C-alpha atoms as a PDB file:
ATOM      1  CA  MET A   1      91.271  87.621  90.756  1.00  0.00           C
ATOM      2  CA  GLN A   2      89.004  86.694  93.647  1.00  0.00           C
ATOM      3  CA  LEU A   3      86.986  89.693  94.825  1.00  0.00           C
ATOM      4  CA  GLU A   4      86.101  90.167  98.461  1.00  0.00           C
ATOM      5  CA  GLN A   5      82.614  88.725  98.986  1.00  0.00           C
ATOM      6  CA  LYS A   6      81.040  92.129  99.655  1.00  0.00           C
ATOM      7  CA  TYR A   7      82.395  93.498  96.381  1.00  0.00           C
ATOM      8  CA  GLN A   8      81.259  90.454  94.447  1.00  0.00           C
ATOM      9  CA  ALA A   9      77.762  90.937  95.870  1.00  0.00           C
ATOM     10  CA  LEU A  10      77.788  94.578  94.763  1.00  0.00           C
ATOM     11  CA  ILE A  11      78.981  93.644  91.261  1.00  0.00           C
ATOM     12  CA  ASP A  12      76.266  91.007  90.994  1.00  0.00           C
ATOM     13  CA  GLU A  13      73.646  93.567  92.016  1.00  0.00           C
ATOM     14  CA  ALA A  14      75.059  96.204  89.645  1.00  0.00           C
ATOM     15  CA  GLN A  15      74.839  93.688  86.791  1.00  0.00           C
ATOM     16  CA  ARG A  16      71.277  92.754  87.778  1.00  0.00           C
ATOM     17  CA  ARG A  17      70.357  96.453  87.668  1.00  0.00           C
ATOM     18  CA  LYS A  18      72.160  96.852  84.334  1.00  0.00           C
ATOM     19  CA  MET A  19      74.187  99.773  85.673  1.00  0.00           C
ATOM     20  CA  PRO A  20      76.530 101.533  83.247  1.00  0.00           C
ATOM     21  CA  ASP A  21      80.285 100.833  83.188  1.00  0.00           C
ATOM     22  CA  ILE A  22      80.305  97.569  85.126  1.00  0.00           C
ATOM     23  CA  GLU A  23      83.951  97.176  84.060  1.00  0.00           C
ATOM     24  CA  GLY A  24      84.884 100.416  85.860  1.00  0.00           C
ATOM     25  CA  ILE A  25      83.028  99.293  88.966  1.00  0.00           C
ATOM     26  CA  GLN A  26      84.765  95.919  88.810  1.00  0.00           C
ATOM     27  CA  LEU A  27      88.200  97.565  88.475  1.00  0.00           C
ATOM     28  CA  CYS A  28      87.505  99.654  91.560  1.00  0.00           C
ATOM     29  CA  PHE A  29      86.478  96.557  93.527  1.00  0.00           C
ATOM     30  CA  GLN A  30      89.522  94.632  92.269  1.00  0.00           C
ATOM     31  CA  THR A  31      91.739  97.460  93.516  1.00  0.00           C
ATOM     32  CA  LEU A  32      89.976  97.493  96.889  1.00  0.00           C
ATOM     33  CA  SER A  33      90.237  93.693  97.143  1.00  0.00           C
ATOM     34  CA  LEU A  34      93.956  93.847  96.349  1.00  0.00           C
ATOM     35  CA  ALA A  35      94.468  96.552  98.985  1.00  0.00           C
ATOM     36  CA  ALA A  36      92.564  94.503 101.575  1.00  0.00           C
ATOM     37  CA  GLY A  37      94.685  91.450 100.718  1.00  0.00           C
ATOM     38  CA  ILE A  38      97.872  93.467 101.088  1.00  0.00           C
ATOM     39  CA  ASP A  39      96.651  94.806 104.452  1.00  0.00           C
ATOM     40  CA  ARG A  40      95.928  91.256 105.663  1.00  0.00           C
ATOM     41  CA  GLY A  41      99.304  90.058 104.414  1.00  0.00           C
ATOM     42  CA  CYS A  42     101.031  92.984 106.093  1.00  0.00           C
ATOM     43  CA  ALA A  43      99.328  92.207 109.398  1.00  0.00           C
ATOM     44  CA  ALA A  44     100.331  88.549 109.080  1.00  0.00           C
ATOM     45  CA  GLN A  45     103.956  89.539 108.344  1.00  0.00           C
ATOM     46  CA  LEU A  46     104.147  91.847 111.379  1.00  0.00           C
ATOM     47  CA  ALA A  47     102.200  89.685 113.857  1.00  0.00           C
ATOM     48  CA  PRO A  48     105.078  87.304 114.719  1.00  0.00           C
ATOM     49  CA  TYR A  49     107.026  90.356 115.898  1.00  0.00           C
ATOM     50  CA  GLY A  50     104.129  91.602 118.030  1.00  0.00           C
ATOM     51  CA  LEU A  51     103.706  94.632 115.781  1.00  0.00           C
ATOM     52  CA  SER A  52     100.772  96.351 114.177  1.00  0.00           C
ATOM     53  CA  GLU A  53     101.240  98.531 111.118  1.00  0.00           C
ATOM     54  CA  GLY A  54     101.143 101.642 113.336  1.00  0.00           C
ATOM     55  CA  ARG A  55     103.803 100.323 115.697  1.00  0.00           C
ATOM     56  CA  PHE A  56     105.944  99.261 112.731  1.00  0.00           C
ATOM     57  CA  VAL A  57     105.732 102.732 111.200  1.00  0.00           C
ATOM     58  CA  LEU A  58     106.953 104.311 114.450  1.00  0.00           C
ATOM     59  CA  LEU A  59     109.850 101.833 114.710  1.00  0.00           C
ATOM     60  CA  PHE A  60     110.761 102.590 111.090  1.00  0.00           C
ATOM     61  CA  LEU A  61     110.706 106.355 111.671  1.00  0.00           C
ATOM     62  CA  LEU A  62     112.661 106.108 114.919  1.00  0.00           C
ATOM     63  CA  ASP A  63     115.224 103.816 113.306  1.00  0.00           C
ATOM     64  CA  ALA A  64     115.914 106.601 110.798  1.00  0.00           C
ATOM     65  CA  ALA A  65     116.339 109.156 113.613  1.00  0.00           C
ATOM     66  CA  PRO A  66     119.189 108.027 115.901  1.00  0.00           C
ATOM     67  CA  ASP A  67     118.876 111.238 117.956  1.00  0.00           C
ATOM     68  CA  GLY A  68     115.186 110.506 118.501  1.00  0.00           C
ATOM     69  CA  LEU A  69     112.009 112.361 117.641  1.00  0.00           C
ATOM     70  CA  ALA A  70     109.399 114.284 119.580  1.00  0.00           C
ATOM     71  CA  PRO A  71     105.973 112.620 119.812  1.00  0.00           C
ATOM     72  CA  ASN A  72     104.360 115.426 117.796  1.00  0.00           C
ATOM     73  CA  ALA A  73     106.955 114.956 115.024  1.00  0.00           C
ATOM     74  CA  LEU A  74     106.252 111.220 115.009  1.00  0.00           C
ATOM     75  CA  ALA A  75     102.506 111.896 114.763  1.00  0.00           C
ATOM     76  CA  LYS A  76     103.007 114.282 111.851  1.00  0.00           C
ATOM     77  CA  GLN A  77     105.358 111.961 109.944  1.00  0.00           C
ATOM     78  CA  ALA A  78     103.139 108.926 110.553  1.00  0.00           C
ATOM     79  CA  GLY A  79      99.989 110.833 109.606  1.00  0.00           C
ATOM     80  CA  VAL A  80      98.163 110.058 112.845  1.00  0.00           C
ATOM     81  CA  THR A  81      96.911 112.040 115.820  1.00  0.00           C
ATOM     82  CA  ARG A  82      99.010 112.754 118.890  1.00  0.00           C
ATOM     83  CA  ALA A  83      96.612 110.613 120.916  1.00  0.00           C
ATOM     84  CA  THR A  84      97.205 107.677 118.576  1.00  0.00           C
ATOM     85  CA  VAL A  85     100.970 108.125 118.834  1.00  0.00           C
ATOM     86  CA  THR A  86     100.758 108.232 122.624  1.00  0.00           C
ATOM     87  CA  GLY A  87      98.937 104.885 122.669  1.00  0.00           C
ATOM     88  CA  LEU A  88     101.391 103.313 120.248  1.00  0.00           C
ATOM     89  CA  LEU A  89     104.355 104.629 122.232  1.00  0.00           C
ATOM     90  CA  ASP A  90     102.887 103.308 125.481  1.00  0.00           C
ATOM     91  CA  GLY A  91     102.817  99.810 123.992  1.00  0.00           C
ATOM     92  CA  LEU A  92     106.319 100.078 122.555  1.00  0.00           C
ATOM     93  CA  GLU A  93     107.609 101.347 125.905  1.00  0.00           C
ATOM     94  CA  ARG A  94     105.957  98.452 127.806  1.00  0.00           C
ATOM     95  CA  GLU A  95     107.884  96.078 125.565  1.00  0.00           C
ATOM     96  CA  ALA A  96     111.130  98.014 126.147  1.00  0.00           C
ATOM     97  CA  LEU A  97     111.438  98.928 122.461  1.00  0.00           C
ATOM     98  CA  ILE A  98     111.520 102.697 123.034  1.00  0.00           C
ATOM     99  CA  GLU A  99     112.477 105.101 125.804  1.00  0.00           C
ATOM    100  CA  ARG A 100     111.072 108.529 126.531  1.00  0.00           C
ATOM    101  CA  HIS A 101     113.734 111.114 127.391  1.00  0.00           C
ATOM    102  CA  ALA A 102     113.451 114.735 128.431  1.00  0.00           C
ATOM    103  CA  ASN A 103     114.519 116.992 125.572  1.00  0.00           C
ATOM    104  CA  ALA A 104     117.940 118.536 126.296  1.00  0.00           C
ATOM    105  CA  ASP A 105     116.755 121.989 125.149  1.00  0.00           C
ATOM    106  CA  ASP A 106     113.300 121.925 126.753  1.00  0.00           C
ATOM    107  CA  ARG A 107     112.858 119.582 129.712  1.00  0.00           C
ATOM    108  CA  ARG A 108     109.070 119.786 129.320  1.00  0.00           C
ATOM    109  CA  ALA A 109     109.342 118.231 125.862  1.00  0.00           C
ATOM    110  CA  LEU A 110     109.969 114.545 125.207  1.00  0.00           C
ATOM    111  CA  CYS A 111     112.357 112.862 122.840  1.00  0.00           C
ATOM    112  CA  ILE A 112     111.597 109.263 121.845  1.00  0.00           C
ATOM    113  CA  ARG A 113     114.466 106.906 121.055  1.00  0.00           C
ATOM    114  CA  LEU A 114     114.723 103.238 120.257  1.00  0.00           C
ATOM    115  CA  THR A 115     116.309 101.027 122.885  1.00  0.00           C
ATOM    116  CA  HIS A 116     118.953  98.491 121.869  1.00  0.00           C
ATOM    117  CA  LYS A 117     116.178  95.890 121.738  1.00  0.00           C
ATOM    118  CA  GLY A 118     114.084  98.260 119.608  1.00  0.00           C
ATOM    119  CA  ARG A 119     116.940  98.892 117.171  1.00  0.00           C
ATOM    120  CA  GLN A 120     117.537  95.156 116.775  1.00  0.00           C
ATOM    121  CA  LEU A 121     113.846  94.477 116.175  1.00  0.00           C
ATOM    122  CA  ALA A 122     113.558  97.407 113.752  1.00  0.00           C
ATOM    123  CA  LYS A 123     116.544  96.153 111.740  1.00  0.00           C
ATOM    124  CA  THR A 124     115.128  92.633 111.495  1.00  0.00           C
ATOM    125  CA  VAL A 125     111.567  93.660 110.694  1.00  0.00           C
ATOM    126  CA  ILE A 126     112.506  96.402 108.220  1.00  0.00           C
ATOM    127  CA  GLU A 127     114.678  93.990 106.223  1.00  0.00           C
ATOM    128  CA  HIS A 128     112.042  91.232 106.284  1.00  0.00           C
ATOM    129  CA  HIS A 129     109.105  93.534 105.591  1.00  0.00           C
ATOM    130  CA  SER A 130     110.750  95.456 102.759  1.00  0.00           C
ATOM    131  CA  ARG A 131     111.615  92.177 100.993  1.00  0.00           C
ATOM    132  CA  TRP A 132     107.999  91.028 101.379  1.00  0.00           C
ATOM    133  CA  ILE A 133     106.588  94.314 100.072  1.00  0.00           C
ATOM    134  CA  ALA A 134     108.981  94.384  97.111  1.00  0.00           C
ATOM    135  CA  GLY A 135     108.017  90.793  96.309  1.00  0.00           C
ATOM    136  CA  LEU A 136     104.341  91.698  95.920  1.00  0.00           C
ATOM    137  CA  PHE A 137     105.088  93.054  92.460  1.00  0.00           C
ATOM    138  CA  GLY A 138     108.113  90.842  91.790  1.00  0.00           C
ATOM    139  CA  GLY A 139     106.321  89.099  88.926  1.00  0.00           C
ATOM    140  CA  LEU A 140     106.012  92.333  86.972  1.00  0.00           C
ATOM    141  CA  SER A 141     108.667  93.510  84.543  1.00  0.00           C
ATOM    142  CA  LYS A 142     110.054  97.036  84.808  1.00  0.00           C
ATOM    143  CA  PRO A 143     107.825  98.280  81.961  1.00  0.00           C
ATOM    144  CA  GLU A 144     104.782  96.627  83.563  1.00  0.00           C
ATOM    145  CA  ARG A 145     105.577  98.287  86.895  1.00  0.00           C
ATOM    146  CA  GLU A 146     105.937 101.646  85.174  1.00  0.00           C
ATOM    147  CA  GLN A 147     102.647 101.124  83.345  1.00  0.00           C
ATOM    148  CA  LEU A 148     100.874 100.099  86.551  1.00  0.00           C
ATOM    149  CA  ALA A 149     102.261 103.136  88.385  1.00  0.00           C
ATOM    150  CA  PHE A 150     101.112 105.383  85.530  1.00  0.00           C
ATOM    151  CA  LEU A 151      97.628 103.854  85.493  1.00  0.00           C
ATOM    152  CA  LEU A 152      97.250 104.052  89.280  1.00  0.00           C
ATOM    153  CA  GLU A 153      98.315 107.692  89.181  1.00  0.00           C
ATOM    154  CA  LYS A 154      95.835 108.378  86.383  1.00  0.00           C
ATOM    155  CA  ALA A 155      92.994 106.679  88.305  1.00  0.00           C
ATOM    156  CA  ALA A 156      93.960 108.510  91.515  1.00  0.00           C
ATOM    157  CA  LYS A 157      93.405 111.850  89.780  1.00  0.00           C
ATOM    158  CA  ASN A 158      89.720 110.915  89.430  1.00  0.00           C
ATOM    159  CA  THR A 159      89.411 110.663  93.220  1.00  0.00           C
ATOM    160  CA  GLU A 160      90.557 114.269  93.594  1.00  0.00           C
ATOM    161  CA  ALA A 161      87.648 115.644  91.557  1.00  0.00           C
END
């Protein structure tokens, strides 16, 4: 696997310094390189639709909520700040993908809903994107996927310490 250049430079320096557990360091950098590659691929998959990952996440969440969601609920579900959601919603609204409506119970509160155009785009992108994501590990057998999931979970526990 080709490491990102910065990680390769760090591995080379770690080897030069004869640091312990170079294999563990290399595994970490392989994981980070894979994640960066997935992020780049994700951005490339979403770019033709004029979407960033953040905008895609909001479309995905709104597609699952036909009655709409409040901006604060979107922020919480997406794991971002309210300010970030406001910026993302502004862009989606400019492109007529969402509409802001006054909440029926509290006119001071907003309810965000997909427009017809937004629903169509969400349907197309969700189908395309989920196939792409699933294909990333398509070359692994079921036991290999289970083993990878187990190993990732085991490694993740070390980050909690």
